[in-house]
Amino acid sequence: MYDGNGRGTHAATLGHVHGREQGVLVEGVVTGLLGAAAVALWFLVVDTIMGRPLHTPALLGALVSGAGDPMAAAETADRTRFVLLYTMLHVGAFAVLGVVATLLVHRAERTPSLLALLLLLFAAVEVAFTAFVALLEVSALGDVAWYQVAAGNVVAAVTMGWWLRRNHPGVITGFGGSWADE
């Protein structure tokens, strides 16, 4: 079949799908970057109040790198390396999370009940990060408490949710309507 312009409709459809998928990917990465920035800002404020700016990313970077004593490594002159390492991991993880959340929101525009899956994703990520922090040795984490991590995740979720809601205002309305229809 042809679309009237000498092209097959299959090719036109693939071009449209590819463009839409690329848009979802870009929107998702932006969504994730906003979440990552929100958490980074949260911990910068917390660390600055405690008198040690960038302590948390340095500590987590030292922990991830396998430093023998992460607390001591996070306080050395070489701490910038740990901050950069953790920042790369942090941004990458949030970019993936942002793409998944954005994909779910796009799907929820057609199937509003999928928004429940997005809420479950948030709950699962929150529980996973909080459990991760709780399972780590207290000596390895120092004074980074599970509630600081949980609060940072809530800040990120609210930021990402705000961004997605701003770009897809009908999703929440459709979600409420889907429950009424059943």
C-alpha atoms as a PDB file:
ATOM      1  CA  MET A   1       0.000   0.000   0.000  1.00  0.00           C
ATOM      2  CA  TYR A   2       1.040   3.565  -0.603  1.00  0.00           C
ATOM      3  CA  ASP A   3       0.269   6.715   1.297  1.00  0.00           C
ATOM      4  CA  GLY A   4      -0.331   8.831  -1.825  1.00  0.00           C
ATOM      5  CA  ASN A   5       3.180  10.253  -1.817  1.00  0.00           C
ATOM      6  CA  GLY A   6       4.842   7.243  -3.385  1.00  0.00           C
ATOM      7  CA  ARG A   7       5.826   5.727  -0.058  1.00  0.00           C
ATOM      8  CA  GLY A   8       4.552   2.560   1.474  1.00  0.00           C
ATOM      9  CA  THR A   9       2.304   3.066   4.487  1.00  0.00           C
ATOM     10  CA  HIS A  10       4.450   0.614   6.446  1.00  0.00           C
ATOM     11  CA  ALA A  11       7.498   2.854   5.994  1.00  0.00           C
ATOM     12  CA  ALA A  12       5.476   5.926   6.965  1.00  0.00           C
ATOM     13  CA  THR A  13       4.232   4.143  10.086  1.00  0.00           C
ATOM     14  CA  LEU A  14       7.736   3.036  11.063  1.00  0.00           C
ATOM     15  CA  GLY A  15       8.991   6.593  10.683  1.00  0.00           C
ATOM     16  CA  HIS A  16       6.205   7.862  12.918  1.00  0.00           C
ATOM     17  CA  VAL A  17       6.823   5.175  15.545  1.00  0.00           C
ATOM     18  CA  HIS A  18      10.563   5.802  15.488  1.00  0.00           C
ATOM     19  CA  GLY A  19      10.007   9.544  15.993  1.00  0.00           C
ATOM     20  CA  ARG A  20       7.603   8.922  18.866  1.00  0.00           C
ATOM     21  CA  GLU A  21      10.014   6.475  20.541  1.00  0.00           C
ATOM     22  CA  GLN A  22      12.844   8.970  20.207  1.00  0.00           C
ATOM     23  CA  GLY A  23      10.592  11.621  21.789  1.00  0.00           C
ATOM     24  CA  VAL A  24       9.797   9.295  24.693  1.00  0.00           C
ATOM     25  CA  LEU A  25      13.498   8.583  25.150  1.00  0.00           C
ATOM     26  CA  VAL A  26      14.440  12.278  25.194  1.00  0.00           C
ATOM     27  CA  GLU A  27      11.533  13.172  27.484  1.00  0.00           C
ATOM     28  CA  GLY A  28      12.442  10.272  29.760  1.00  0.00           C
ATOM     29  CA  VAL A  29      16.086  11.260  30.010  1.00  0.00           C
ATOM     30  CA  VAL A  30      15.065  14.855  30.801  1.00  0.00           C
ATOM     31  CA  THR A  31      12.628  13.539  33.416  1.00  0.00           C
ATOM     32  CA  GLY A  32      15.391  11.417  34.954  1.00  0.00           C
ATOM     33  CA  LEU A  33      17.879  14.293  34.900  1.00  0.00           C
ATOM     34  CA  LEU A  34      15.380  16.459  36.768  1.00  0.00           C
ATOM     35  CA  GLY A  35      14.977  13.725  39.386  1.00  0.00           C
ATOM     36  CA  ALA A  36      18.738  13.261  39.676  1.00  0.00           C
ATOM     37  CA  ALA A  37      19.256  17.008  40.041  1.00  0.00           C
ATOM     38  CA  ALA A  38      16.545  17.196  42.716  1.00  0.00           C
ATOM     39  CA  VAL A  39      18.199  14.459  44.796  1.00  0.00           C
ATOM     40  CA  ALA A  40      21.652  15.983  44.281  1.00  0.00           C
ATOM     41  CA  LEU A  41      20.366  19.377  45.389  1.00  0.00           C
ATOM     42  CA  TRP A  42      18.615  17.777  48.384  1.00  0.00           C
ATOM     43  CA  PHE A  43      21.842  16.151  49.568  1.00  0.00           C
ATOM     44  CA  LEU A  44      23.898  19.263  48.820  1.00  0.00           C
ATOM     45  CA  VAL A  45      21.595  21.189  51.154  1.00  0.00           C
ATOM     46  CA  VAL A  46      21.646  18.434  53.817  1.00  0.00           C
ATOM     47  CA  ASP A  47      25.431  18.072  53.589  1.00  0.00           C
ATOM     48  CA  THR A  48      25.972  21.855  53.669  1.00  0.00           C
ATOM     49  CA  ILE A  49      23.778  22.196  56.767  1.00  0.00           C
ATOM     50  CA  MET A  50      25.921  19.463  58.362  1.00  0.00           C
ATOM     51  CA  GLY A  51      29.039  21.463  57.420  1.00  0.00           C
ATOM     52  CA  ARG A  52      30.329  18.954  54.809  1.00  0.00           C
ATOM     53  CA  PRO A  53      29.237  19.866  51.261  1.00  0.00           C
ATOM     54  CA  LEU A  54      29.356  16.901  48.835  1.00  0.00           C
ATOM     55  CA  HIS A  55      29.940  14.440  51.662  1.00  0.00           C
ATOM     56  CA  THR A  56      27.107  12.079  50.670  1.00  0.00           C
ATOM     57  CA  PRO A  57      28.105  11.622  47.001  1.00  0.00           C
ATOM     58  CA  ALA A  58      31.760  11.266  48.036  1.00  0.00           C
ATOM     59  CA  LEU A  59      30.819   8.631  50.623  1.00  0.00           C
ATOM     60  CA  LEU A  60      28.564   6.704  48.246  1.00  0.00           C
ATOM     61  CA  GLY A  61      31.173   6.921  45.490  1.00  0.00           C
ATOM     62  CA  ALA A  62      33.830   5.572  47.850  1.00  0.00           C
ATOM     63  CA  LEU A  63      31.454   2.798  48.899  1.00  0.00           C
ATOM     64  CA  VAL A  64      30.663   1.844  45.295  1.00  0.00           C
ATOM     65  CA  SER A  65      34.335   1.923  44.312  1.00  0.00           C
ATOM     66  CA  GLY A  66      35.174  -0.607  47.015  1.00  0.00           C
ATOM     67  CA  ALA A  67      37.363   1.693  49.068  1.00  0.00           C
ATOM     68  CA  GLY A  68      38.558  -0.103  52.198  1.00  0.00           C
ATOM     69  CA  ASP A  69      37.279   2.603  54.529  1.00  0.00           C
ATOM     70  CA  PRO A  70      34.622   4.627  52.658  1.00  0.00           C
ATOM     71  CA  MET A  71      34.227   7.154  55.491  1.00  0.00           C
ATOM     72  CA  ALA A  72      37.942   7.971  55.453  1.00  0.00           C
ATOM     73  CA  ALA A  73      38.120   7.934  51.638  1.00  0.00           C
ATOM     74  CA  ALA A  74      35.219  10.394  51.410  1.00  0.00           C
ATOM     75  CA  GLU A  75      37.202  12.887  53.483  1.00  0.00           C
ATOM     76  CA  THR A  76      40.470  12.741  51.510  1.00  0.00           C
ATOM     77  CA  ALA A  77      41.699  15.238  48.946  1.00  0.00           C
ATOM     78  CA  ASP A  78      40.898  12.584  46.306  1.00  0.00           C
ATOM     79  CA  ARG A  79      37.164  12.768  47.123  1.00  0.00           C
ATOM     80  CA  THR A  80      36.344  14.524  43.834  1.00  0.00           C
ATOM     81  CA  ARG A  81      36.974  11.221  42.042  1.00  0.00           C
ATOM     82  CA  PHE A  82      34.372   9.545  44.262  1.00  0.00           C
ATOM     83  CA  VAL A  83      31.880  12.382  43.747  1.00  0.00           C
ATOM     84  CA  LEU A  84      32.262  12.103  39.962  1.00  0.00           C
ATOM     85  CA  LEU A  85      31.959   8.304  40.018  1.00  0.00           C
ATOM     86  CA  TYR A  86      28.791   8.377  42.070  1.00  0.00           C
ATOM     87  CA  THR A  87      27.349  11.266  40.044  1.00  0.00           C
ATOM     88  CA  MET A  88      27.747   9.272  36.819  1.00  0.00           C
ATOM     89  CA  LEU A  89      26.039   6.229  38.354  1.00  0.00           C
ATOM     90  CA  HIS A  90      23.337   8.398  39.917  1.00  0.00           C
ATOM     91  CA  VAL A  91      22.545  10.238  36.680  1.00  0.00           C
ATOM     92  CA  GLY A  92      22.547   6.999  34.670  1.00  0.00           C
ATOM     93  CA  ALA A  93      20.184   5.271  37.090  1.00  0.00           C
ATOM     94  CA  PHE A  94      17.805   8.231  37.117  1.00  0.00           C
ATOM     95  CA  ALA A  95      17.903   8.485  33.311  1.00  0.00           C
ATOM     96  CA  VAL A  96      16.752   4.857  33.073  1.00  0.00           C
ATOM     97  CA  LEU A  97      14.106   5.424  35.734  1.00  0.00           C
ATOM     98  CA  GLY A  98      12.937   8.552  33.907  1.00  0.00           C
ATOM     99  CA  VAL A  99      12.583   6.668  30.619  1.00  0.00           C
ATOM    100  CA  VAL A 100      10.567   3.900  32.300  1.00  0.00           C
ATOM    101  CA  ALA A 101       8.315   6.418  34.070  1.00  0.00           C
ATOM    102  CA  THR A 102       7.827   8.418  30.865  1.00  0.00           C
ATOM    103  CA  LEU A 103       7.021   5.290  28.878  1.00  0.00           C
ATOM    104  CA  LEU A 104       4.400   4.340  31.472  1.00  0.00           C
ATOM    105  CA  VAL A 105       2.876   7.835  31.344  1.00  0.00           C
ATOM    106  CA  HIS A 106       2.718   7.697  27.542  1.00  0.00           C
ATOM    107  CA  ARG A 107       1.030   4.298  27.725  1.00  0.00           C
ATOM    108  CA  ALA A 108      -1.307   5.568  30.455  1.00  0.00           C
ATOM    109  CA  GLU A 109      -2.578   8.210  28.035  1.00  0.00           C
ATOM    110  CA  ARG A 110      -4.127   5.330  26.085  1.00  0.00           C
ATOM    111  CA  THR A 111      -4.756   3.006  29.039  1.00  0.00           C
ATOM    112  CA  PRO A 112      -5.259   5.198  32.136  1.00  0.00           C
ATOM    113  CA  SER A 113      -5.235   2.290  34.579  1.00  0.00           C
ATOM    114  CA  LEU A 114      -1.502   1.850  33.816  1.00  0.00           C
ATOM    115  CA  LEU A 115      -0.925   4.883  35.996  1.00  0.00           C
ATOM    116  CA  ALA A 116      -1.334   2.485  38.914  1.00  0.00           C
ATOM    117  CA  LEU A 117       1.774   0.703  37.608  1.00  0.00           C
ATOM    118  CA  LEU A 118       3.639   4.001  37.755  1.00  0.00           C
ATOM    119  CA  LEU A 119       2.621   4.417  41.393  1.00  0.00           C
ATOM    120  CA  LEU A 120       3.808   0.863  42.096  1.00  0.00           C
ATOM    121  CA  LEU A 121       7.115   1.670  40.368  1.00  0.00           C
ATOM    122  CA  PHE A 122       7.568   4.635  42.690  1.00  0.00           C
ATOM    123  CA  ALA A 123       6.772   2.517  45.743  1.00  0.00           C
ATOM    124  CA  ALA A 124       9.145  -0.256  44.617  1.00  0.00           C
ATOM    125  CA  VAL A 125      12.013   2.161  43.971  1.00  0.00           C
ATOM    126  CA  GLU A 126      11.427   3.882  47.301  1.00  0.00           C
ATOM    127  CA  VAL A 127      11.434   0.578  49.188  1.00  0.00           C
ATOM    128  CA  ALA A 128      14.494  -0.686  47.280  1.00  0.00           C
ATOM    129  CA  PHE A 129      16.609   2.401  47.991  1.00  0.00           C
ATOM    130  CA  THR A 130      15.530   2.567  51.608  1.00  0.00           C
ATOM    131  CA  ALA A 131      16.255  -1.157  52.063  1.00  0.00           C
ATOM    132  CA  PHE A 132      19.634  -0.738  50.361  1.00  0.00           C
ATOM    133  CA  VAL A 133      20.618   1.979  52.804  1.00  0.00           C
ATOM    134  CA  ALA A 134      19.244   0.046  55.777  1.00  0.00           C
ATOM    135  CA  LEU A 135      21.198  -3.089  54.793  1.00  0.00           C
ATOM    136  CA  LEU A 136      24.528  -1.337  54.457  1.00  0.00           C
ATOM    137  CA  GLU A 137      26.772  -1.306  57.450  1.00  0.00           C
ATOM    138  CA  VAL A 138      26.203   1.684  59.670  1.00  0.00           C
ATOM    139  CA  SER A 139      29.962   2.257  59.783  1.00  0.00           C
ATOM    140  CA  ALA A 140      30.071   2.411  55.982  1.00  0.00           C
ATOM    141  CA  LEU A 141      27.312   5.014  55.750  1.00  0.00           C
ATOM    142  CA  GLY A 142      28.346   7.128  58.675  1.00  0.00           C
ATOM    143  CA  ASP A 143      25.695   9.719  59.345  1.00  0.00           C
ATOM    144  CA  VAL A 144      23.700   9.261  56.114  1.00  0.00           C
ATOM    145  CA  ALA A 145      20.393   8.042  57.495  1.00  0.00           C
ATOM    146  CA  TRP A 146      17.725   6.009  55.731  1.00  0.00           C
ATOM    147  CA  TYR A 147      15.200   8.821  56.223  1.00  0.00           C
ATOM    148  CA  GLN A 148      17.487  11.266  54.394  1.00  0.00           C
ATOM    149  CA  VAL A 149      17.598   8.867  51.443  1.00  0.00           C
ATOM    150  CA  ALA A 150      13.829   8.320  51.614  1.00  0.00           C
ATOM    151  CA  ALA A 151      13.208  12.082  51.723  1.00  0.00           C
ATOM    152  CA  GLY A 152      15.568  12.597  48.769  1.00  0.00           C
ATOM    153  CA  ASN A 153      13.678   9.970  46.796  1.00  0.00           C
ATOM    154  CA  VAL A 154      10.379  11.680  47.580  1.00  0.00           C
ATOM    155  CA  VAL A 155      11.858  15.000  46.401  1.00  0.00           C
ATOM    156  CA  ALA A 156      12.940  13.299  43.154  1.00  0.00           C
ATOM    157  CA  ALA A 157       9.566  11.578  42.677  1.00  0.00           C
ATOM    158  CA  VAL A 158       7.659  14.823  43.219  1.00  0.00           C
ATOM    159  CA  THR A 159       9.955  16.650  40.782  1.00  0.00           C
ATOM    160  CA  MET A 160       9.646  13.935  38.127  1.00  0.00           C
ATOM    161  CA  GLY A 161       5.902  13.632  38.721  1.00  0.00           C
ATOM    162  CA  TRP A 162       5.469  17.391  38.387  1.00  0.00           C
ATOM    163  CA  TRP A 163       7.374  17.372  35.098  1.00  0.00           C
ATOM    164  CA  LEU A 164       5.402  14.451  33.672  1.00  0.00           C
ATOM    165  CA  ARG A 165       2.083  15.926  34.879  1.00  0.00           C
ATOM    166  CA  ARG A 166       3.022  19.239  33.289  1.00  0.00           C
ATOM    167  CA  ASN A 167       3.687  17.524  29.951  1.00  0.00           C
ATOM    168  CA  HIS A 168       0.720  15.135  30.175  1.00  0.00           C
ATOM    169  CA  PRO A 169      -2.077  16.930  32.064  1.00  0.00           C
ATOM    170  CA  GLY A 170      -4.802  14.552  30.867  1.00  0.00           C
ATOM    171  CA  VAL A 171      -3.236  11.442  32.385  1.00  0.00           C
ATOM    172  CA  ILE A 172      -4.394  12.079  35.952  1.00  0.00           C
ATOM    173  CA  THR A 173      -7.876  13.043  34.775  1.00  0.00           C
ATOM    174  CA  GLY A 174      -8.058   9.904  32.644  1.00  0.00           C
ATOM    175  CA  PHE A 175      -6.879   7.781  35.559  1.00  0.00           C
ATOM    176  CA  GLY A 176      -9.754   8.941  37.738  1.00  0.00           C
ATOM    177  CA  GLY A 177     -12.198   8.341  34.905  1.00  0.00           C
ATOM    178  CA  SER A 178     -10.923   4.815  34.280  1.00  0.00           C
ATOM    179  CA  TRP A 179     -11.887   3.751  37.813  1.00  0.00           C
ATOM    180  CA  ALA A 180     -15.339   5.276  37.409  1.00  0.00           C
ATOM    181  CA  ASP A 181     -15.872   3.422  34.127  1.00  0.00           C
ATOM    182  CA  GLU A 182     -15.227  -0.007  35.651  1.00  0.00           C
END
